[in-house]
Amino acid sequence: MCATSITSLAMALLASSHSVDIRSSTDCPSSQEIAQRLQPLLPDRPEQQYPADIASVDVTENGKTETRLRLHLIGPDGADVGDRTVLVQSDCTEAAATVAAVIAAWETEPLSMPVTTSPKASSDVASVTPSRWRVSAGAGGGLGLVGGVAAVGRIEALVGRGNSRLEARIGADSETARTISLSSGSVDWQHTSFEASVVLRTLHPMWPLSIDAGLALGWATLEGQGYSPDRQVRSFEYGACAAIRLARNLNRWALWAEVRTYGWAQEQRASLTGEIATTVLPRVDVTADVGLAVPLVW
């Protein structure tokens, strides 16, 4: 039997024995680590008689050595079995053991047996169940570093499931002008861009790292300086973008720093009417930004 089959069989046996569906939004401790610690703490219970309870584990605050977690256990009928906040060590193994002990205590209490509740009671419990989706908005600023230095401003929105490594991001960037020489004058130029990208992130509770890649649309604005007359031209452009970002979680807020690269498919040129003189804008733009992300739905 291959290793993958053995692992799948072990997890299936594990799930059937403790009758608790564990959903951790962090990988420290992860759902699998908690389940492994919980298994020996609970008696075997036939799934037909006791459908699985649902235990959610969410990070509410991160510290250097300790993490604050919210544990919420509901029965298969929606009844609230337990809801509390615990302070655990940052060591993932110890954190998993602590969470498992709390869940086991709830599961072995006489009152944790399945009970019938009125529709209103079930609705009240469901209304306080943590959302399985995370939506956040962010803003930041930094510098454009190719073809001169420009100030850059950025806004964005992200959406993803709480325990998923994948997110979707949409963002918009605007920048101040950089200058390039052309004959007897100069040309001020800048990019305004919008992007949609897929984000792959780690689930580290304090220092999540992410990379993203996607498509970019926008326009380049070119304006002559020192000519008669001076003209301004906007030219549509499209391309791709990619970034690497490191964040520092502060409760549910996050500070982040990133390096982002844009590659434009079409070459942008500035030229003088009636003259051969011409200059080409860089087709690659690199920005370095810092910012803040704020949760909207959690």
C-alpha atoms as a PDB file:
ATOM      1  CA  MET A   1       0.000   0.000   0.000  1.00  0.00           C
ATOM      2  CA  CYS A   2       1.440   3.376  -0.955  1.00  0.00           C
ATOM      3  CA  ALA A   3       2.187   6.104   1.588  1.00  0.00           C
ATOM      4  CA  THR A   4      -0.666   8.295   0.272  1.00  0.00           C
ATOM      5  CA  SER A   5      -3.205   5.493   0.761  1.00  0.00           C
ATOM      6  CA  ILE A   6      -1.937   4.812   4.278  1.00  0.00           C
ATOM      7  CA  THR A   7      -2.225   8.511   5.173  1.00  0.00           C
ATOM      8  CA  SER A   8      -5.760   8.756   3.740  1.00  0.00           C
ATOM      9  CA  LEU A   9      -6.856   5.624   5.643  1.00  0.00           C
ATOM     10  CA  ALA A  10      -5.381   6.930   8.884  1.00  0.00           C
ATOM     11  CA  MET A  11      -7.185  10.258   8.553  1.00  0.00           C
ATOM     12  CA  ALA A  12     -10.470   8.497   7.755  1.00  0.00           C
ATOM     13  CA  LEU A  13     -10.165   6.324  10.870  1.00  0.00           C
ATOM     14  CA  LEU A  14      -9.226   9.367  12.891  1.00  0.00           C
ATOM     15  CA  ALA A  15     -12.276  11.322  11.753  1.00  0.00           C
ATOM     16  CA  SER A  16     -14.673   8.451  12.447  1.00  0.00           C
ATOM     17  CA  SER A  17     -13.401   7.901  15.974  1.00  0.00           C
ATOM     18  CA  HIS A  18     -13.622  11.330  17.529  1.00  0.00           C
ATOM     19  CA  SER A  19     -16.751  12.661  15.704  1.00  0.00           C
ATOM     20  CA  VAL A  20     -15.414  16.245  15.615  1.00  0.00           C
ATOM     21  CA  ASP A  21     -14.923  18.194  12.382  1.00  0.00           C
ATOM     22  CA  ILE A  22     -12.000  20.520  13.173  1.00  0.00           C
ATOM     23  CA  ARG A  23     -11.643  23.672  11.064  1.00  0.00           C
ATOM     24  CA  SER A  24      -8.558  25.697  11.917  1.00  0.00           C
ATOM     25  CA  SER A  25      -7.924  28.965  10.049  1.00  0.00           C
ATOM     26  CA  THR A  26      -4.198  28.734  10.854  1.00  0.00           C
ATOM     27  CA  ASP A  27      -1.523  26.108  10.308  1.00  0.00           C
ATOM     28  CA  CYS A  28      -0.165  26.690  13.817  1.00  0.00           C
ATOM     29  CA  PRO A  29      -1.914  24.665  15.108  1.00  0.00           C
ATOM     30  CA  SER A  30      -3.363  23.024  12.014  1.00  0.00           C
ATOM     31  CA  SER A  31      -6.579  20.990  11.873  1.00  0.00           C
ATOM     32  CA  GLN A  32      -4.575  17.769  11.423  1.00  0.00           C
ATOM     33  CA  GLU A  33      -2.337  18.456  14.443  1.00  0.00           C
ATOM     34  CA  ILE A  34      -5.361  19.147  16.661  1.00  0.00           C
ATOM     35  CA  ALA A  35      -7.151  16.018  15.405  1.00  0.00           C
ATOM     36  CA  GLN A  36      -4.129  13.843  16.176  1.00  0.00           C
ATOM     37  CA  ARG A  37      -3.938  15.225  19.717  1.00  0.00           C
ATOM     38  CA  LEU A  38      -7.700  14.916  20.223  1.00  0.00           C
ATOM     39  CA  GLN A  39      -8.035  11.272  19.134  1.00  0.00           C
ATOM     40  CA  PRO A  40      -6.730   9.601  22.307  1.00  0.00           C
ATOM     41  CA  LEU A  41      -8.706  11.974  24.553  1.00  0.00           C
ATOM     42  CA  LEU A  42     -12.151  10.872  23.319  1.00  0.00           C
ATOM     43  CA  PRO A  43     -13.951   7.516  23.467  1.00  0.00           C
ATOM     44  CA  ASP A  44     -15.023   5.886  20.212  1.00  0.00           C
ATOM     45  CA  ARG A  45     -18.556   6.962  19.307  1.00  0.00           C
ATOM     46  CA  PRO A  46     -20.487   5.502  16.356  1.00  0.00           C
ATOM     47  CA  GLU A  47     -21.019   8.174  13.736  1.00  0.00           C
ATOM     48  CA  GLN A  48     -24.592   6.966  13.149  1.00  0.00           C
ATOM     49  CA  GLN A  49     -25.499   7.757  16.761  1.00  0.00           C
ATOM     50  CA  TYR A  50     -23.415  10.893  17.207  1.00  0.00           C
ATOM     51  CA  PRO A  51     -22.948  13.003  14.033  1.00  0.00           C
ATOM     52  CA  ALA A  52     -19.798  15.115  14.001  1.00  0.00           C
ATOM     53  CA  ASP A  53     -19.646  18.322  16.006  1.00  0.00           C
ATOM     54  CA  ILE A  54     -17.902  21.286  14.336  1.00  0.00           C
ATOM     55  CA  ALA A  55     -14.939  22.954  16.080  1.00  0.00           C
ATOM     56  CA  SER A  56     -13.594  26.209  14.635  1.00  0.00           C
ATOM     57  CA  VAL A  57     -10.200  27.610  15.661  1.00  0.00           C
ATOM     58  CA  ASP A  58      -9.354  31.223  14.779  1.00  0.00           C
ATOM     59  CA  VAL A  59      -6.421  33.474  15.684  1.00  0.00           C
ATOM     60  CA  THR A  60      -7.552  36.689  17.409  1.00  0.00           C
ATOM     61  CA  GLU A  61      -4.177  38.036  18.567  1.00  0.00           C
ATOM     62  CA  ASN A  62      -0.517  37.222  17.973  1.00  0.00           C
ATOM     63  CA  GLY A  63       2.361  37.874  20.348  1.00  0.00           C
ATOM     64  CA  LYS A  64       6.066  37.087  20.277  1.00  0.00           C
ATOM     65  CA  THR A  65       5.746  33.982  22.439  1.00  0.00           C
ATOM     66  CA  GLU A  66       1.983  33.482  22.837  1.00  0.00           C
ATOM     67  CA  THR A  67      -1.056  33.406  20.562  1.00  0.00           C
ATOM     68  CA  ARG A  68      -4.681  34.071  21.520  1.00  0.00           C
ATOM     69  CA  LEU A  69      -7.159  31.662  19.883  1.00  0.00           C
ATOM     70  CA  ARG A  70     -10.946  31.626  19.803  1.00  0.00           C
ATOM     71  CA  LEU A  71     -12.390  28.098  20.076  1.00  0.00           C
ATOM     72  CA  HIS A  72     -16.025  27.564  19.113  1.00  0.00           C
ATOM     73  CA  LEU A  73     -17.763  24.169  19.192  1.00  0.00           C
ATOM     74  CA  ILE A  74     -21.271  23.627  17.829  1.00  0.00           C
ATOM     75  CA  GLY A  75     -23.298  20.458  17.555  1.00  0.00           C
ATOM     76  CA  PRO A  76     -24.621  18.990  14.302  1.00  0.00           C
ATOM     77  CA  ASP A  77     -27.998  20.618  15.024  1.00  0.00           C
ATOM     78  CA  GLY A  78     -26.434  24.075  15.421  1.00  0.00           C
ATOM     79  CA  ALA A  79     -26.516  24.101  19.234  1.00  0.00           C
ATOM     80  CA  ASP A  80     -23.669  25.992  20.927  1.00  0.00           C
ATOM     81  CA  VAL A  81     -21.523  23.492  22.887  1.00  0.00           C
ATOM     82  CA  GLY A  82     -18.617  25.773  23.836  1.00  0.00           C
ATOM     83  CA  ASP A  83     -17.121  29.156  23.017  1.00  0.00           C
ATOM     84  CA  ARG A  84     -14.008  30.532  24.700  1.00  0.00           C
ATOM     85  CA  THR A  85     -10.705  32.289  24.105  1.00  0.00           C
ATOM     86  CA  VAL A  86      -7.457  30.615  25.163  1.00  0.00           C
ATOM     87  CA  LEU A  87      -3.860  31.807  25.323  1.00  0.00           C
ATOM     88  CA  VAL A  88      -1.425  29.238  23.930  1.00  0.00           C
ATOM     89  CA  GLN A  89       2.317  28.999  23.415  1.00  0.00           C
ATOM     90  CA  SER A  90       3.589  29.841  19.922  1.00  0.00           C
ATOM     91  CA  ASP A  91       4.995  26.296  19.659  1.00  0.00           C
ATOM     92  CA  CYS A  92       2.547  24.572  17.289  1.00  0.00           C
ATOM     93  CA  THR A  93       2.684  21.176  18.998  1.00  0.00           C
ATOM     94  CA  GLU A  94       1.920  22.617  22.446  1.00  0.00           C
ATOM     95  CA  ALA A  95      -0.822  24.808  20.988  1.00  0.00           C
ATOM     96  CA  ALA A  96      -2.460  21.769  19.356  1.00  0.00           C
ATOM     97  CA  ALA A  97      -2.365  19.886  22.671  1.00  0.00           C
ATOM     98  CA  THR A  98      -4.007  22.793  24.526  1.00  0.00           C
ATOM     99  CA  VAL A  99      -6.773  23.193  21.944  1.00  0.00           C
ATOM    100  CA  ALA A 100      -7.412  19.430  21.895  1.00  0.00           C
ATOM    101  CA  ALA A 101      -7.721  19.372  25.688  1.00  0.00           C
ATOM    102  CA  VAL A 102     -10.361  22.111  25.671  1.00  0.00           C
ATOM    103  CA  ILE A 103     -12.381  20.414  22.921  1.00  0.00           C
ATOM    104  CA  ALA A 104     -12.129  17.076  24.708  1.00  0.00           C
ATOM    105  CA  ALA A 105     -13.443  18.641  27.913  1.00  0.00           C
ATOM    106  CA  TRP A 106     -16.472  19.995  26.057  1.00  0.00           C
ATOM    107  CA  GLU A 107     -17.058  16.711  24.239  1.00  0.00           C
ATOM    108  CA  THR A 108     -16.994  14.584  27.400  1.00  0.00           C
ATOM    109  CA  GLU A 109     -19.319  16.792  29.473  1.00  0.00           C
ATOM    110  CA  PRO A 110     -22.780  15.242  29.942  1.00  0.00           C
ATOM    111  CA  LEU A 111     -24.429  18.351  28.494  1.00  0.00           C
ATOM    112  CA  SER A 112     -22.446  18.033  25.267  1.00  0.00           C
ATOM    113  CA  MET A 113     -24.725  15.175  24.114  1.00  0.00           C
ATOM    114  CA  PRO A 114     -26.880  16.060  21.087  1.00  0.00           C
ATOM    115  CA  VAL A 115     -29.988  17.991  22.142  1.00  0.00           C
ATOM    116  CA  THR A 116     -33.049  19.240  20.315  1.00  0.00           C
ATOM    117  CA  THR A 117     -33.293  23.014  20.017  1.00  0.00           C
ATOM    118  CA  SER A 118     -36.001  25.253  18.701  1.00  0.00           C
ATOM    119  CA  PRO A 119     -35.523  26.874  15.258  1.00  0.00           C
ATOM    120  CA  LYS A 120     -35.035  30.238  16.958  1.00  0.00           C
ATOM    121  CA  ALA A 121     -32.248  28.902  19.196  1.00  0.00           C
ATOM    122  CA  SER A 122     -30.477  27.336  16.216  1.00  0.00           C
ATOM    123  CA  SER A 123     -30.736  30.596  14.317  1.00  0.00           C
ATOM    124  CA  ASP A 124     -29.252  32.520  17.245  1.00  0.00           C
ATOM    125  CA  VAL A 125     -26.292  30.135  17.433  1.00  0.00           C
ATOM    126  CA  ALA A 126     -25.683  30.278  13.694  1.00  0.00           C
ATOM    127  CA  SER A 127     -25.628  34.052  13.777  1.00  0.00           C
ATOM    128  CA  VAL A 128     -22.482  34.081  15.942  1.00  0.00           C
ATOM    129  CA  THR A 129     -20.613  31.333  14.080  1.00  0.00           C
ATOM    130  CA  PRO A 130     -17.371  32.790  12.674  1.00  0.00           C
ATOM    131  CA  SER A 131     -17.417  33.473   8.951  1.00  0.00           C
ATOM    132  CA  ARG A 132     -15.430  31.027   6.826  1.00  0.00           C
ATOM    133  CA  TRP A 133     -14.519  33.860   4.432  1.00  0.00           C
ATOM    134  CA  ARG A 134     -12.031  36.658   4.922  1.00  0.00           C
ATOM    135  CA  VAL A 135     -12.449  39.950   3.081  1.00  0.00           C
ATOM    136  CA  SER A 136     -10.022  42.804   3.692  1.00  0.00           C
ATOM    137  CA  ALA A 137      -9.168  46.192   2.231  1.00  0.00           C
ATOM    138  CA  GLY A 138      -5.750  47.789   2.172  1.00  0.00           C
ATOM    139  CA  ALA A 139      -3.879  50.915   1.237  1.00  0.00           C
ATOM    140  CA  GLY A 140      -0.205  51.687   0.904  1.00  0.00           C
ATOM    141  CA  GLY A 141       2.460  53.781  -0.697  1.00  0.00           C
ATOM    142  CA  GLY A 142       6.020  53.597  -1.870  1.00  0.00           C
ATOM    143  CA  LEU A 143       8.364  54.293  -4.750  1.00  0.00           C
ATOM    144  CA  GLY A 144       8.577  53.473  -8.443  1.00  0.00           C
ATOM    145  CA  LEU A 145      12.200  52.569  -9.187  1.00  0.00           C
ATOM    146  CA  VAL A 146      12.648  52.221 -12.976  1.00  0.00           C
ATOM    147  CA  GLY A 147      13.496  55.159 -15.255  1.00  0.00           C
ATOM    148  CA  GLY A 148      13.762  57.517 -12.282  1.00  0.00           C
ATOM    149  CA  VAL A 149      12.022  57.622  -8.901  1.00  0.00           C
ATOM    150  CA  ALA A 150       8.292  58.298  -8.478  1.00  0.00           C
ATOM    151  CA  ALA A 151       5.926  58.270  -5.515  1.00  0.00           C
ATOM    152  CA  VAL A 152       3.326  55.479  -5.729  1.00  0.00           C
ATOM    153  CA  GLY A 153      -0.067  55.153  -4.024  1.00  0.00           C
ATOM    154  CA  ARG A 154      -2.010  51.891  -3.855  1.00  0.00           C
ATOM    155  CA  ILE A 155      -5.467  50.612  -2.818  1.00  0.00           C
ATOM    156  CA  GLU A 156      -6.604  46.994  -2.901  1.00  0.00           C
ATOM    157  CA  ALA A 157      -9.144  44.402  -1.766  1.00  0.00           C
ATOM    158  CA  LEU A 158      -8.579  40.710  -0.991  1.00  0.00           C
ATOM    159  CA  VAL A 159     -10.968  37.803  -0.526  1.00  0.00           C
ATOM    160  CA  GLY A 160     -10.334  34.188   0.466  1.00  0.00           C
ATOM    161  CA  ARG A 161     -11.425  31.401   2.779  1.00  0.00           C
ATOM    162  CA  GLY A 162     -10.038  31.634   6.296  1.00  0.00           C
ATOM    163  CA  ASN A 163      -8.032  28.399   6.178  1.00  0.00           C
ATOM    164  CA  SER A 164      -7.075  28.489   2.491  1.00  0.00           C
ATOM    165  CA  ARG A 165      -3.648  29.321   1.108  1.00  0.00           C
ATOM    166  CA  LEU A 166      -5.239  30.934  -1.965  1.00  0.00           C
ATOM    167  CA  GLU A 167      -6.721  34.428  -2.170  1.00  0.00           C
ATOM    168  CA  ALA A 168      -7.897  36.764  -4.921  1.00  0.00           C
ATOM    169  CA  ARG A 169      -6.656  40.368  -5.049  1.00  0.00           C
ATOM    170  CA  ILE A 170      -7.741  43.402  -7.058  1.00  0.00           C
ATOM    171  CA  GLY A 171      -5.733  46.588  -6.817  1.00  0.00           C
ATOM    172  CA  ALA A 172      -5.080  49.995  -8.341  1.00  0.00           C
ATOM    173  CA  ASP A 173      -1.835  51.990  -8.438  1.00  0.00           C
ATOM    174  CA  SER A 174      -1.185  55.605  -9.319  1.00  0.00           C
ATOM    175  CA  GLU A 175       2.171  57.374  -9.425  1.00  0.00           C
ATOM    176  CA  THR A 176       3.752  60.761  -9.805  1.00  0.00           C
ATOM    177  CA  ALA A 177       5.622  61.657 -12.997  1.00  0.00           C
ATOM    178  CA  ARG A 178       9.151  60.709 -13.919  1.00  0.00           C
ATOM    179  CA  THR A 179      11.116  62.686 -16.518  1.00  0.00           C
ATOM    180  CA  ILE A 180      13.003  61.562 -19.612  1.00  0.00           C
ATOM    181  CA  SER A 181      14.973  63.850 -21.948  1.00  0.00           C
ATOM    182  CA  LEU A 182      13.979  64.335 -25.582  1.00  0.00           C
ATOM    183  CA  SER A 183      15.897  66.714 -27.862  1.00  0.00           C
ATOM    184  CA  SER A 184      15.721  70.270 -26.492  1.00  0.00           C
ATOM    185  CA  GLY A 185      13.045  69.474 -23.890  1.00  0.00           C
ATOM    186  CA  SER A 186      11.795  66.616 -21.752  1.00  0.00           C
ATOM    187  CA  VAL A 187       8.806  64.333 -21.339  1.00  0.00           C
ATOM    188  CA  ASP A 188       7.045  63.678 -18.030  1.00  0.00           C
ATOM    189  CA  TRP A 189       5.548  60.169 -17.926  1.00  0.00           C
ATOM    190  CA  GLN A 190       3.644  58.001 -15.468  1.00  0.00           C
ATOM    191  CA  HIS A 191       1.608  54.788 -15.252  1.00  0.00           C
ATOM    192  CA  THR A 192      -1.882  54.348 -13.827  1.00  0.00           C
ATOM    193  CA  SER A 193      -2.675  50.665 -13.478  1.00  0.00           C
ATOM    194  CA  PHE A 194      -5.294  48.193 -12.302  1.00  0.00           C
ATOM    195  CA  GLU A 195      -4.636  44.518 -11.684  1.00  0.00           C
ATOM    196  CA  ALA A 196      -6.384  41.279 -10.746  1.00  0.00           C
ATOM    197  CA  SER A 197      -4.197  38.512  -9.357  1.00  0.00           C
ATOM    198  CA  VAL A 198      -4.170  35.167  -7.582  1.00  0.00           C
ATOM    199  CA  VAL A 199      -2.329  35.071  -4.257  1.00  0.00           C
ATOM    200  CA  LEU A 200      -0.557  32.077  -2.712  1.00  0.00           C
ATOM    201  CA  ARG A 201       0.151  32.652   0.982  1.00  0.00           C
ATOM    202  CA  THR A 202       1.535  30.894   4.022  1.00  0.00           C
ATOM    203  CA  LEU A 203      -0.646  30.584   7.130  1.00  0.00           C
ATOM    204  CA  HIS A 204       1.991  31.623   9.651  1.00  0.00           C
ATOM    205  CA  PRO A 205       0.092  33.363  12.505  1.00  0.00           C
ATOM    206  CA  MET A 206       2.599  36.225  12.860  1.00  0.00           C
ATOM    207  CA  TRP A 207       4.637  36.605   9.650  1.00  0.00           C
ATOM    208  CA  PRO A 208       2.616  35.412   6.629  1.00  0.00           C
ATOM    209  CA  LEU A 209       4.486  35.483   3.315  1.00  0.00           C
ATOM    210  CA  SER A 210       2.692  35.633  -0.035  1.00  0.00           C
ATOM    211  CA  ILE A 211       3.366  35.758  -3.751  1.00  0.00           C
ATOM    212  CA  ASP A 212       0.889  36.753  -6.424  1.00  0.00           C
ATOM    213  CA  ALA A 213       0.638  36.967 -10.190  1.00  0.00           C
ATOM    214  CA  GLY A 214      -2.034  38.316 -12.502  1.00  0.00           C
ATOM    215  CA  LEU A 215      -3.070  40.628 -15.315  1.00  0.00           C
ATOM    216  CA  ALA A 216      -2.643  44.414 -15.419  1.00  0.00           C
ATOM    217  CA  LEU A 217      -4.482  47.102 -17.388  1.00  0.00           C
ATOM    218  CA  GLY A 218      -4.005  50.858 -17.395  1.00  0.00           C
ATOM    219  CA  TRP A 219      -2.635  53.761 -19.310  1.00  0.00           C
ATOM    220  CA  ALA A 220       0.586  55.708 -19.684  1.00  0.00           C
ATOM    221  CA  THR A 221       0.406  59.488 -19.546  1.00  0.00           C
ATOM    222  CA  LEU A 222       3.109  61.438 -21.449  1.00  0.00           C
ATOM    223  CA  GLU A 223       3.383  65.251 -21.351  1.00  0.00           C
ATOM    224  CA  GLY A 224       5.954  67.371 -23.133  1.00  0.00           C
ATOM    225  CA  GLN A 225       7.904  70.068 -21.293  1.00  0.00           C
ATOM    226  CA  GLY A 226       9.812  72.890 -23.057  1.00  0.00           C
ATOM    227  CA  TYR A 227       8.201  72.570 -26.475  1.00  0.00           C
ATOM    228  CA  SER A 228       5.833  74.827 -28.397  1.00  0.00           C
ATOM    229  CA  PRO A 229       3.209  73.698 -27.984  1.00  0.00           C
ATOM    230  CA  ASP A 230       3.442  71.149 -25.121  1.00  0.00           C
ATOM    231  CA  ARG A 231       1.075  68.213 -25.563  1.00  0.00           C
ATOM    232  CA  GLN A 232      -0.282  65.526 -23.280  1.00  0.00           C
ATOM    233  CA  VAL A 233      -1.096  62.041 -24.550  1.00  0.00           C
ATOM    234  CA  ARG A 234      -2.644  59.023 -22.780  1.00  0.00           C
ATOM    235  CA  SER A 235      -2.039  55.594 -24.228  1.00  0.00           C
ATOM    236  CA  PHE A 236      -3.814  52.368 -23.182  1.00  0.00           C
ATOM    237  CA  GLU A 237      -1.520  49.560 -22.058  1.00  0.00           C
ATOM    238  CA  TYR A 238      -1.855  46.005 -20.796  1.00  0.00           C
ATOM    239  CA  GLY A 239       0.461  43.384 -19.392  1.00  0.00           C
ATOM    240  CA  ALA A 240       1.171  41.231 -16.344  1.00  0.00           C
ATOM    241  CA  CYS A 241       2.193  41.816 -12.739  1.00  0.00           C
ATOM    242  CA  ALA A 242       3.774  39.796  -9.941  1.00  0.00           C
ATOM    243  CA  ALA A 243       4.734  40.549  -6.346  1.00  0.00           C
ATOM    244  CA  ILE A 244       6.210  39.115  -3.168  1.00  0.00           C
ATOM    245  CA  ARG A 245       4.893  40.400   0.170  1.00  0.00           C
ATOM    246  CA  LEU A 246       5.769  39.927   3.843  1.00  0.00           C
ATOM    247  CA  ALA A 247       3.168  40.890   6.450  1.00  0.00           C
ATOM    248  CA  ARG A 248       3.123  41.282  10.228  1.00  0.00           C
ATOM    249  CA  ASN A 249      -0.214  40.348  11.805  1.00  0.00           C
ATOM    250  CA  LEU A 250      -1.407  42.615  14.614  1.00  0.00           C
ATOM    251  CA  ASN A 251      -4.574  40.973  15.911  1.00  0.00           C
ATOM    252  CA  ARG A 252      -6.746  41.121  12.771  1.00  0.00           C
ATOM    253  CA  TRP A 253      -4.881  44.039  11.212  1.00  0.00           C
ATOM    254  CA  ALA A 254      -1.751  43.506   9.162  1.00  0.00           C
ATOM    255  CA  LEU A 255       1.214  45.672   8.208  1.00  0.00           C
ATOM    256  CA  TRP A 256       2.893  44.646   4.969  1.00  0.00           C
ATOM    257  CA  ALA A 257       5.860  45.402   2.723  1.00  0.00           C
ATOM    258  CA  GLU A 258       6.171  44.220  -0.856  1.00  0.00           C
ATOM    259  CA  VAL A 259       8.087  44.449  -4.120  1.00  0.00           C
ATOM    260  CA  ARG A 260       5.848  44.485  -7.216  1.00  0.00           C
ATOM    261  CA  THR A 261       6.811  44.217 -10.894  1.00  0.00           C
ATOM    262  CA  TYR A 262       4.787  45.215 -13.959  1.00  0.00           C
ATOM    263  CA  GLY A 263       5.614  44.117 -17.497  1.00  0.00           C
ATOM    264  CA  TRP A 264       3.856  45.982 -20.323  1.00  0.00           C
ATOM    265  CA  ALA A 265       3.172  44.221 -23.614  1.00  0.00           C
ATOM    266  CA  GLN A 266       3.421  47.281 -25.862  1.00  0.00           C
ATOM    267  CA  GLU A 267       6.259  49.752 -26.194  1.00  0.00           C
ATOM    268  CA  GLN A 268       5.407  53.392 -25.423  1.00  0.00           C
ATOM    269  CA  ARG A 269       7.272  56.051 -27.424  1.00  0.00           C
ATOM    270  CA  ALA A 270       7.515  59.833 -27.244  1.00  0.00           C
ATOM    271  CA  SER A 271       8.530  61.698 -30.401  1.00  0.00           C
ATOM    272  CA  LEU A 272       8.657  65.249 -31.749  1.00  0.00           C
ATOM    273  CA  THR A 273       6.312  66.155 -34.576  1.00  0.00           C
ATOM    274  CA  GLY A 274       8.281  66.605 -37.781  1.00  0.00           C
ATOM    275  CA  GLU A 275      11.567  65.424 -36.289  1.00  0.00           C
ATOM    276  CA  ILE A 276      13.365  62.106 -36.060  1.00  0.00           C
ATOM    277  CA  ALA A 277      14.019  62.512 -32.310  1.00  0.00           C
ATOM    278  CA  THR A 278      12.235  59.833 -30.262  1.00  0.00           C
ATOM    279  CA  THR A 279      12.520  58.189 -26.831  1.00  0.00           C
ATOM    280  CA  VAL A 280      11.179  54.920 -25.477  1.00  0.00           C
ATOM    281  CA  LEU A 281       9.609  54.392 -22.052  1.00  0.00           C
ATOM    282  CA  PRO A 282      10.675  51.341 -20.000  1.00  0.00           C
ATOM    283  CA  ARG A 283       8.416  48.335 -20.534  1.00  0.00           C
ATOM    284  CA  VAL A 284       9.116  47.064 -16.997  1.00  0.00           C
ATOM    285  CA  ASP A 285       8.190  48.959 -13.842  1.00  0.00           C
ATOM    286  CA  VAL A 286       9.222  47.955 -10.308  1.00  0.00           C
ATOM    287  CA  THR A 287       7.687  49.397  -7.129  1.00  0.00           C
ATOM    288  CA  ALA A 288       8.515  48.969  -3.434  1.00  0.00           C
ATOM    289  CA  ASP A 289       5.551  49.603  -1.113  1.00  0.00           C
ATOM    290  CA  VAL A 290       4.445  49.396   2.501  1.00  0.00           C
ATOM    291  CA  GLY A 291       0.838  49.449   3.679  1.00  0.00           C
ATOM    292  CA  LEU A 292      -1.907  48.370   6.050  1.00  0.00           C
ATOM    293  CA  ALA A 293      -4.708  45.815   5.574  1.00  0.00           C
ATOM    294  CA  VAL A 294      -7.985  46.072   7.498  1.00  0.00           C
ATOM    295  CA  PRO A 295     -10.559  43.226   7.804  1.00  0.00           C
ATOM    296  CA  LEU A 296     -14.086  43.831   6.483  1.00  0.00           C
ATOM    297  CA  VAL A 297     -15.494  40.305   6.946  1.00  0.00           C
ATOM    298  CA  TRP A 298     -13.925  37.675   9.204  1.00  0.00           C
END
